[in-house]
Amino acid sequence: MMRRQPAAVWAIAFACVVSFMGIGLVDPILPSIAEQLQASETQSELLFTTYLALTGVAMFFSSWVSSRLGVKKTLLIGLAVVVVFAAACGLSPAVAPIIGFRAGWGIGNALFISTALSAMVTAAVGGSASAIVLYETALGIGMAFGPLAGGLLGSITWRAPFFGTATLMIIGLVMIGLLLKATHNVHPRPVRLSAPFRALRDPGMGTMGLAAFFYNMAMFTTLAFPPFALARLGVSEALTIGLVFFGWGGCLALAAVGLAPRLTRRFRRTSVLLTAELLLGLMLVLCAVFYNSAVGIIVCVILAGIPLGLLNTVLTECSMEASDLPRPVASSTYSGCRFLGGAIAPPLCTLLASISAVWVPFIYGALMIMVSFSIVLIRRSTLIRADQTPDDVTEIESDTVEGAEVLA
């Protein structure tokens, strides 16, 4: 399935891997940044918040930008912005500038990620399901190797991961510049500025936007808070934390590319979605139970990657198939809701731990995933299209033709 993809699709996938590496890159070095720059835990978590918040907000406007500049220009501008702000983070003398530069990084990330998803779904051979599996595989690989790279480079200096990301992004920028051809600088059907917001009125997209918002709160509870929970138990080395989240991301990638497609071929997407959300809730409760055991937290966090991988793939599939919205608009709306939810969790988790107990943030994450579960369950009737839409021959041919127009 993946071997038949055009070279341009693979170039976008590589850049997606590097882009998603930037999300978990700071995870292993959070304790080091807090210690060396005299920052509080909550201040350090703002490296996640400003990045994710600006990514989420900018996502809503990415389809408007790409429909006017064209896919290739938008992708290249997004990558260039990431390179500039990632390098600026590495040069920062204090935590406050890093927090600000991560916001700029998030804007570039939004322009790239949202445009990349819609372009891959439109252009990949095999229809939307094939493209989404490839996209979520890139997410999983990036989420796995981001913390590992952050741990390896962070063991040298906390600045090194930022410079490493900037270097890899330059490679991705060059690849897309060479392999992605564009004969049209402006899309023939420009997207209105309000389109991604109006899309939330669609029953299916509204359901998936809300579900993704609360799901990402739980997801980033498993990513952002465990480094500090482990540091309180004496596990604070950047490389060790990086290896833990390499295992987490590895499980996420394997579940996204290997397990999710098999399950959705046998069961309804919403059934897989609801089951995976229950499993993630269980993992977070177990983290709370074993909050005083480094081994217990590590095992639960790594295993949480399995339901997270399922959810990333199935949530994206449902969001792209739950309505007849144009793909760029659906991608912008879904991605914006997804990242905004993730922006709230990191600082809230450390704040909850500071005013209560270490296990409380894990229970918060479990409650958030159950809110997402309840939304999907109650509004399941709005997702009939997502459950019943296979990638038939007509859609494949349509996607291929549209992809040729965008990427030709």
Protein backbone atom coordinates (compact mmCIF):
# COMPACT_ATOMS: atom_id res chain seq x y z
CA MET A 1 0.00 0.00 0.00
CA MET A 2 2.69 2.51 1.00
CA ARG A 3 5.28 1.47 -1.62
CA ARG A 4 3.09 2.84 -4.42
CA GLN A 5 2.92 6.39 -3.07
CA PRO A 6 4.35 9.24 -5.20
CA ALA A 7 7.76 10.61 -4.20
CA ALA A 8 6.14 13.91 -3.19
CA VAL A 9 3.91 12.11 -0.67
CA TRP A 10 6.97 10.46 0.88
CA ALA A 11 8.72 13.83 1.09
CA ILE A 12 5.73 15.26 2.97
CA ALA A 13 5.68 12.18 5.23
CA PHE A 14 9.37 12.64 6.12
CA ALA A 15 8.78 16.29 6.99
CA CYS A 16 5.76 15.20 9.08
CA VAL A 17 8.00 12.86 11.06
CA VAL A 18 10.38 15.72 11.84
CA SER A 19 7.51 18.07 12.61
CA PHE A 20 5.96 15.64 15.09
CA MET A 21 9.39 15.09 16.63
CA GLY A 22 9.17 18.72 17.71
CA ILE A 23 6.17 17.96 19.93
CA GLY A 24 7.92 15.46 22.21
CA LEU A 25 11.42 16.84 21.73
CA VAL A 26 11.29 18.98 24.88
CA ASP A 27 9.83 16.20 27.04
CA PRO A 28 13.11 14.66 28.28
CA ILE A 29 14.77 18.05 28.82
CA LEU A 30 11.97 19.67 30.84
CA PRO A 31 13.62 18.85 34.22
CA SER A 32 17.00 20.08 32.87
CA ILE A 33 15.51 23.34 31.60
CA ALA A 34 13.70 23.87 34.91
CA GLU A 35 16.93 23.29 36.85
CA GLN A 36 19.44 25.13 34.66
CA LEU A 37 17.26 28.14 33.85
CA GLN A 38 15.75 28.41 37.36
CA ALA A 39 12.22 27.87 36.04
CA SER A 40 9.27 26.33 37.85
CA GLU A 41 7.66 23.12 36.62
CA THR A 42 4.62 25.05 35.38
CA GLN A 43 6.84 27.54 33.52
CA SER A 44 8.63 24.64 31.84
CA GLU A 45 5.32 23.08 30.81
CA LEU A 46 4.47 26.35 29.03
CA LEU A 47 6.92 25.18 26.35
CA PHE A 48 4.16 22.73 25.44
CA THR A 49 1.29 25.19 25.97
CA THR A 50 2.43 28.10 23.81
CA TYR A 51 3.49 25.68 21.07
CA LEU A 52 0.21 23.74 21.07
CA ALA A 53 -2.05 26.77 21.62
CA LEU A 54 -0.61 28.73 18.70
CA THR A 55 -0.59 25.58 16.59
CA GLY A 56 -4.27 25.05 17.36
CA VAL A 57 -5.31 28.64 16.67
CA ALA A 58 -3.28 28.86 13.46
CA MET A 59 -4.72 25.53 12.27
CA PHE A 60 -8.12 27.18 11.79
CA PHE A 61 -6.60 29.59 9.27
CA SER A 62 -4.24 27.22 7.47
CA SER A 63 -6.81 26.17 4.84
CA TRP A 64 -7.50 29.86 4.07
CA VAL A 65 -3.76 30.45 3.61
CA SER A 66 -3.07 27.32 1.55
CA SER A 67 -6.05 27.91 -0.73
CA ARG A 68 -4.51 31.24 -1.72
CA LEU A 69 -0.79 30.54 -1.68
CA GLY A 70 -1.01 26.97 -2.91
CA VAL A 71 0.01 23.74 -1.16
CA LYS A 72 3.72 23.86 -1.92
CA LYS A 73 4.26 27.47 -0.85
CA THR A 74 2.32 26.94 2.38
CA LEU A 75 4.31 23.82 3.25
CA LEU A 76 7.64 25.54 2.56
CA ILE A 77 6.72 28.69 4.51
CA GLY A 78 5.60 26.55 7.48
CA LEU A 79 8.85 24.60 7.50
CA ALA A 80 10.95 27.77 7.16
CA VAL A 81 9.17 29.35 10.14
CA VAL A 82 9.87 26.22 12.22
CA VAL A 83 13.57 26.32 11.31
CA VAL A 84 13.89 29.95 12.40
CA PHE A 85 12.11 29.56 15.74
CA ALA A 86 13.67 26.18 16.62
CA ALA A 87 17.12 27.73 16.17
CA ALA A 88 16.01 30.75 18.21
CA CYS A 89 14.98 28.42 21.08
CA GLY A 90 18.47 26.92 21.09
CA LEU A 91 20.04 30.37 21.32
CA SER A 92 17.80 31.62 24.16
CA PRO A 93 19.41 32.75 27.44
CA ALA A 94 16.32 32.14 29.62
CA VAL A 95 13.07 30.20 29.74
CA ALA A 96 10.81 33.18 28.90
CA PRO A 97 12.18 33.68 25.35
CA ILE A 98 11.92 29.93 24.72
CA ILE A 99 8.24 30.03 25.67
CA GLY A 100 7.73 32.84 23.17
CA PHE A 101 9.75 31.22 20.40
CA ARG A 102 7.82 27.97 20.86
CA ALA A 103 4.69 29.98 20.02
CA GLY A 104 6.24 31.05 16.71
CA TRP A 105 7.30 27.46 16.14
CA GLY A 106 3.67 26.44 16.64
CA ILE A 107 2.45 28.82 13.92
CA GLY A 108 4.86 27.33 11.40
CA ASN A 109 3.93 23.86 12.55
CA ALA A 110 0.24 24.58 11.99
CA LEU A 111 0.76 25.81 8.44
CA PHE A 112 2.71 22.68 7.64
CA ILE A 113 0.81 19.92 9.49
CA SER A 114 -2.74 20.88 8.49
CA THR A 115 -1.75 21.42 4.87
CA ALA A 116 0.25 18.19 4.83
CA LEU A 117 -2.69 16.14 6.09
CA SER A 118 -5.14 17.49 3.52
CA ALA A 119 -2.56 17.16 0.71
CA MET A 120 -1.76 13.56 1.62
CA VAL A 121 -5.43 12.60 1.94
CA THR A 122 -6.12 14.15 -1.45
CA ALA A 123 -3.10 12.86 -3.34
CA ALA A 124 -2.08 9.50 -1.88
CA VAL A 125 -2.69 6.35 -3.90
CA GLY A 126 -5.25 4.16 -2.13
CA GLY A 127 -7.63 6.86 -0.96
CA SER A 128 -8.04 8.58 2.38
CA ALA A 129 -7.55 5.51 4.58
CA SER A 130 -4.13 4.84 3.05
CA ALA A 131 -3.07 8.46 3.45
CA ILE A 132 -4.29 8.71 7.04
CA VAL A 133 -2.42 5.55 8.05
CA LEU A 134 0.74 7.00 6.49
CA TYR A 135 0.14 10.34 8.22
CA GLU A 136 -0.49 8.77 11.62
CA THR A 137 2.53 6.49 11.14
CA ALA A 138 4.62 9.61 10.63
CA LEU A 139 3.06 11.01 13.80
CA GLY A 140 3.93 7.86 15.73
CA ILE A 141 7.51 7.70 14.45
CA GLY A 142 7.98 11.39 15.17
CA MET A 143 6.50 11.06 18.65
CA ALA A 144 8.80 8.07 19.30
CA PHE A 145 12.04 9.53 18.00
CA GLY A 146 11.36 13.07 19.24
CA PRO A 147 11.83 12.17 22.92
CA LEU A 148 14.72 9.81 22.07
CA ALA A 149 16.50 12.54 20.09
CA GLY A 150 15.71 14.99 22.87
CA GLY A 151 17.18 12.59 25.43
CA LEU A 152 20.33 11.79 23.44
CA LEU A 153 21.07 15.38 22.47
CA GLY A 154 19.78 16.72 25.77
CA SER A 155 22.36 14.65 27.65
CA ILE A 156 24.96 16.90 25.97
CA THR A 157 23.11 20.19 26.47
CA TRP A 158 19.46 21.19 26.56
CA ARG A 159 20.14 23.45 23.55
CA ALA A 160 21.19 20.62 21.22
CA PRO A 161 17.68 19.18 20.56
CA PHE A 162 16.50 22.53 19.22
CA PHE A 163 19.42 22.84 16.81
CA GLY A 164 18.95 19.20 15.77
CA THR A 165 15.31 19.83 14.88
CA ALA A 166 16.18 22.93 12.87
CA THR A 167 18.73 20.90 10.88
CA LEU A 168 16.27 18.09 10.10
CA MET A 169 13.60 20.60 9.11
CA ILE A 170 16.00 22.13 6.59
CA ILE A 171 16.39 18.67 5.04
CA GLY A 172 12.59 18.27 4.86
CA LEU A 173 12.25 21.72 3.34
CA VAL A 174 14.78 20.89 0.60
CA MET A 175 13.10 17.53 -0.13
CA ILE A 176 9.66 19.09 -0.57
CA GLY A 177 11.12 21.93 -2.59
CA LEU A 178 12.70 19.45 -5.01
CA LEU A 179 10.04 16.71 -5.17
CA LEU A 180 6.76 18.59 -4.88
CA LYS A 181 5.84 20.22 -8.16
CA ALA A 182 3.36 23.08 -8.31
CA THR A 183 2.05 24.64 -11.49
CA HIS A 184 -0.62 26.68 -9.68
CA ASN A 185 0.26 29.11 -6.91
CA VAL A 186 -3.38 29.69 -5.98
CA HIS A 187 -6.01 27.00 -5.49
CA PRO A 188 -8.92 27.37 -7.96
CA ARG A 189 -11.46 27.38 -5.10
CA PRO A 190 -10.20 29.68 -2.28
CA VAL A 191 -11.46 28.79 1.19
CA ARG A 192 -13.33 31.42 3.18
CA LEU A 193 -11.72 32.62 6.40
CA SER A 194 -14.78 31.54 8.39
CA ALA A 195 -15.06 28.08 6.78
CA PRO A 196 -13.20 26.05 9.47
CA PHE A 197 -15.29 27.67 12.23
CA ARG A 198 -18.56 27.21 10.36
CA ALA A 199 -17.57 23.58 9.81
CA LEU A 200 -18.15 22.96 13.53
CA ARG A 201 -21.87 23.37 12.82
CA ASP A 202 -21.76 20.17 10.81
CA PRO A 203 -23.03 17.43 13.19
CA GLY A 204 -20.26 14.96 12.38
CA MET A 205 -17.41 17.47 12.48
CA GLY A 206 -18.83 19.10 15.61
CA THR A 207 -18.82 15.73 17.37
CA MET A 208 -15.28 14.91 16.28
CA GLY A 209 -13.97 18.39 17.12
CA LEU A 210 -15.26 18.13 20.70
CA ALA A 211 -14.09 14.53 21.08
CA ALA A 212 -10.61 15.40 19.78
CA PHE A 213 -10.40 18.44 22.09
CA PHE A 214 -10.91 16.39 25.26
CA TYR A 215 -8.95 13.41 23.94
CA ASN A 216 -5.84 15.52 23.45
CA MET A 217 -6.06 16.70 27.06
CA ALA A 218 -5.67 13.06 28.07
CA MET A 219 -2.98 12.39 25.48
CA PHE A 220 -0.78 15.24 26.67
CA THR A 221 -1.29 14.20 30.27
CA THR A 222 0.55 11.00 29.35
CA LEU A 223 3.27 12.96 27.51
CA ALA A 224 3.89 16.15 29.48
CA PHE A 225 3.43 15.25 33.15
CA PRO A 226 5.27 11.89 33.61
CA PRO A 227 8.78 13.47 33.34
CA PHE A 228 8.06 15.49 36.48
CA ALA A 229 6.31 12.57 38.19
CA LEU A 230 9.40 10.46 37.52
CA ALA A 231 11.78 13.25 38.58
CA ARG A 232 10.12 13.25 42.01
CA LEU A 233 11.03 9.56 42.23
CA GLY A 234 14.67 10.19 41.30
CA VAL A 235 14.41 9.50 37.55
CA SER A 236 15.36 12.77 35.86
CA GLU A 237 18.12 11.94 33.37
CA ALA A 238 17.23 13.20 29.89
CA LEU A 239 18.33 9.98 28.17
CA THR A 240 16.32 7.77 30.54
CA ILE A 241 13.16 9.80 30.05
CA GLY A 242 13.83 9.85 26.31
CA LEU A 243 14.01 6.04 26.24
CA VAL A 244 10.73 5.77 28.17
CA PHE A 245 8.93 7.92 25.63
CA PHE A 246 10.67 6.19 22.76
CA GLY A 247 8.90 3.05 23.97
CA TRP A 248 5.67 5.03 24.32
CA GLY A 249 5.96 6.42 20.80
CA GLY A 250 6.99 3.04 19.39
CA CYS A 251 3.80 1.44 20.73
CA LEU A 252 1.84 4.39 19.38
CA ALA A 253 3.32 3.98 15.89
CA LEU A 254 2.83 0.21 15.79
CA ALA A 255 -0.79 0.50 16.91
CA ALA A 256 -1.47 3.29 14.41
CA VAL A 257 -0.07 1.51 11.36
CA GLY A 258 -0.43 -2.17 12.27
CA LEU A 259 -3.38 -2.59 14.59
CA ALA A 260 -5.80 0.24 13.73
CA PRO A 261 -6.33 -0.70 10.04
CA ARG A 262 -6.96 -4.35 10.95
CA LEU A 263 -9.50 -3.47 13.62
CA THR A 264 -11.38 -0.95 11.47
CA ARG A 265 -11.69 -3.55 8.71
CA ARG A 266 -13.46 -5.89 11.14
CA PHE A 267 -15.36 -3.46 13.38
CA ARG A 268 -17.05 -0.09 13.06
CA ARG A 269 -14.72 2.85 13.51
CA THR A 270 -16.76 4.21 16.40
CA SER A 271 -16.58 0.83 18.19
CA VAL A 272 -12.78 0.83 17.93
CA LEU A 273 -12.73 4.46 19.02
CA LEU A 274 -14.83 3.88 22.14
CA THR A 275 -12.88 0.76 23.16
CA ALA A 276 -9.53 2.51 22.78
CA GLU A 277 -10.72 5.45 24.87
CA LEU A 278 -11.70 3.10 27.69
CA LEU A 279 -8.26 1.45 27.51
CA LEU A 280 -6.51 4.83 27.69
CA GLY A 281 -8.64 5.78 30.69
CA LEU A 282 -7.60 2.53 32.38
CA MET A 283 -3.90 3.22 31.77
CA LEU A 284 -4.21 6.68 33.30
CA VAL A 285 -5.99 5.31 36.37
CA LEU A 286 -3.21 2.75 36.76
CA CYS A 287 -0.64 5.56 36.57
CA ALA A 288 -2.47 7.18 39.48
CA VAL A 289 -2.50 3.90 41.41
CA PHE A 290 1.25 3.40 40.92
CA TYR A 291 2.17 7.08 41.30
CA ASN A 292 4.81 6.18 43.92
CA SER A 293 6.53 3.59 41.73
CA ALA A 294 8.87 4.65 38.92
CA VAL A 295 8.58 1.20 37.31
CA GLY A 296 4.79 1.30 37.55
CA ILE A 297 4.55 4.73 35.89
CA ILE A 298 7.03 3.77 33.16
CA VAL A 299 5.19 0.55 32.27
CA CYS A 300 1.77 2.25 32.23
CA VAL A 301 3.02 5.19 30.15
CA ILE A 302 4.61 2.89 27.55
CA LEU A 303 1.49 0.70 27.32
CA ALA A 304 -0.67 3.81 26.97
CA GLY A 305 0.94 4.23 23.55
CA ILE A 306 -1.21 1.36 22.22
CA PRO A 307 -4.65 2.95 22.72
CA LEU A 308 -3.16 6.32 21.78
CA GLY A 309 -2.01 4.93 18.43
CA LEU A 310 -5.46 3.48 17.79
CA LEU A 311 -7.13 6.73 18.73
CA ASN A 312 -4.88 8.94 16.62
CA THR A 313 -5.65 6.95 13.49
CA VAL A 314 -9.34 6.30 14.08
CA LEU A 315 -10.09 9.85 15.26
CA THR A 316 -8.47 11.25 12.14
CA GLU A 317 -10.32 8.82 9.87
CA CYS A 318 -13.64 9.63 11.51
CA SER A 319 -12.99 13.36 11.27
CA MET A 320 -12.14 13.22 7.58
CA GLU A 321 -15.06 10.91 6.73
CA ALA A 322 -17.81 12.12 9.10
CA SER A 323 -18.94 14.91 6.74
CA ASP A 324 -18.79 15.99 3.12
CA LEU A 325 -16.73 19.07 3.97
CA PRO A 326 -13.78 19.85 1.69
CA ARG A 327 -10.67 18.03 2.89
CA PRO A 328 -8.61 21.19 3.65
CA VAL A 329 -11.47 22.61 5.75
CA ALA A 330 -12.03 19.34 7.63
CA SER A 331 -8.30 19.06 8.30
CA SER A 332 -8.05 22.63 9.61
CA THR A 333 -11.08 22.29 11.89
CA TYR A 334 -10.16 18.91 13.33
CA SER A 335 -6.48 19.75 13.79
CA GLY A 336 -7.29 23.08 15.45
CA CYS A 337 -9.58 21.46 18.03
CA ARG A 338 -7.08 18.68 18.59
CA PHE A 339 -4.12 20.93 19.39
CA LEU A 340 -6.07 23.43 21.49
CA GLY A 341 -7.09 20.60 23.81
CA GLY A 342 -3.47 19.54 24.17
CA ALA A 343 -2.40 23.07 25.08
CA ILE A 344 -4.41 23.09 28.30
CA ALA A 345 -3.17 19.87 29.89
CA PRO A 346 0.60 20.39 30.53
CA PRO A 347 0.56 23.42 32.87
CA LEU A 348 -2.72 22.33 34.45
CA CYS A 349 -1.21 18.97 35.38
CA THR A 350 1.77 20.48 37.20
CA LEU A 351 -0.52 23.00 38.89
CA LEU A 352 -2.83 20.22 40.10
CA ALA A 353 0.16 18.25 41.40
CA SER A 354 1.52 21.28 43.27
CA ILE A 355 -1.75 22.03 45.07
CA SER A 356 -2.90 18.46 45.68
CA ALA A 357 -1.00 15.22 45.01
CA VAL A 358 1.11 13.64 42.25
CA TRP A 359 -1.62 11.16 41.30
CA VAL A 360 -4.29 13.84 40.70
CA PRO A 361 -3.12 14.85 37.17
CA PHE A 362 -3.46 11.25 36.01
CA ILE A 363 -7.05 11.14 37.28
CA TYR A 364 -7.67 14.43 35.48
CA GLY A 365 -6.43 12.82 32.26
CA ALA A 366 -8.69 9.80 32.84
CA LEU A 367 -11.70 12.08 33.37
CA MET A 368 -10.97 13.99 30.17
CA ILE A 369 -10.84 10.83 28.07
CA MET A 370 -14.14 9.75 29.60
CA VAL A 371 -15.65 13.10 28.57
CA SER A 372 -14.48 12.37 25.02
CA PHE A 373 -15.91 8.84 25.31
CA SER A 374 -19.28 10.23 26.43
CA ILE A 375 -19.41 12.72 23.53
CA VAL A 376 -18.81 9.97 20.96
CA LEU A 377 -21.27 7.60 22.64
CA ILE A 378 -24.08 10.14 22.99
CA ARG A 379 -23.60 11.63 19.52
CA ARG A 380 -22.76 8.38 17.75
CA SER A 381 -25.66 8.85 15.35
CA THR A 382 -23.83 11.83 13.81
CA LEU A 383 -20.94 9.55 12.84
CA ILE A 384 -22.90 7.09 10.67
CA ARG A 385 -21.07 8.35 7.60
CA ALA A 386 -17.68 7.65 9.23
CA ASP A 387 -18.78 4.11 10.08
CA GLN A 388 -20.22 3.35 6.66
CA THR A 389 -17.80 5.05 4.24
CA PRO A 390 -15.33 2.59 2.67
CA ASP A 391 -12.61 3.68 0.25
CA ASP A 392 -14.31 2.42 -2.88
CA VAL A 393 -13.01 2.67 -6.40
CA THR A 394 -14.87 5.90 -7.13
CA GLU A 395 -13.29 7.71 -4.17
CA ILE A 396 -9.82 6.44 -5.04
CA GLU A 397 -10.12 7.68 -8.59
CA SER A 398 -11.55 11.02 -7.45
CA ASP A 399 -8.80 11.50 -4.87
CA THR A 400 -6.13 10.64 -7.39
CA VAL A 401 -7.44 13.15 -9.93
CA GLU A 402 -7.78 15.91 -7.32
CA GLY A 403 -4.33 15.09 -6.01
CA ALA A 404 -2.86 15.47 -9.45
CA GLU A 405 -4.42 18.95 -9.70
CA VAL A 406 -2.96 20.03 -6.36
CA LEU A 407 0.43 18.37 -6.55
CA ALA A 408 1.02 18.37 -10.31
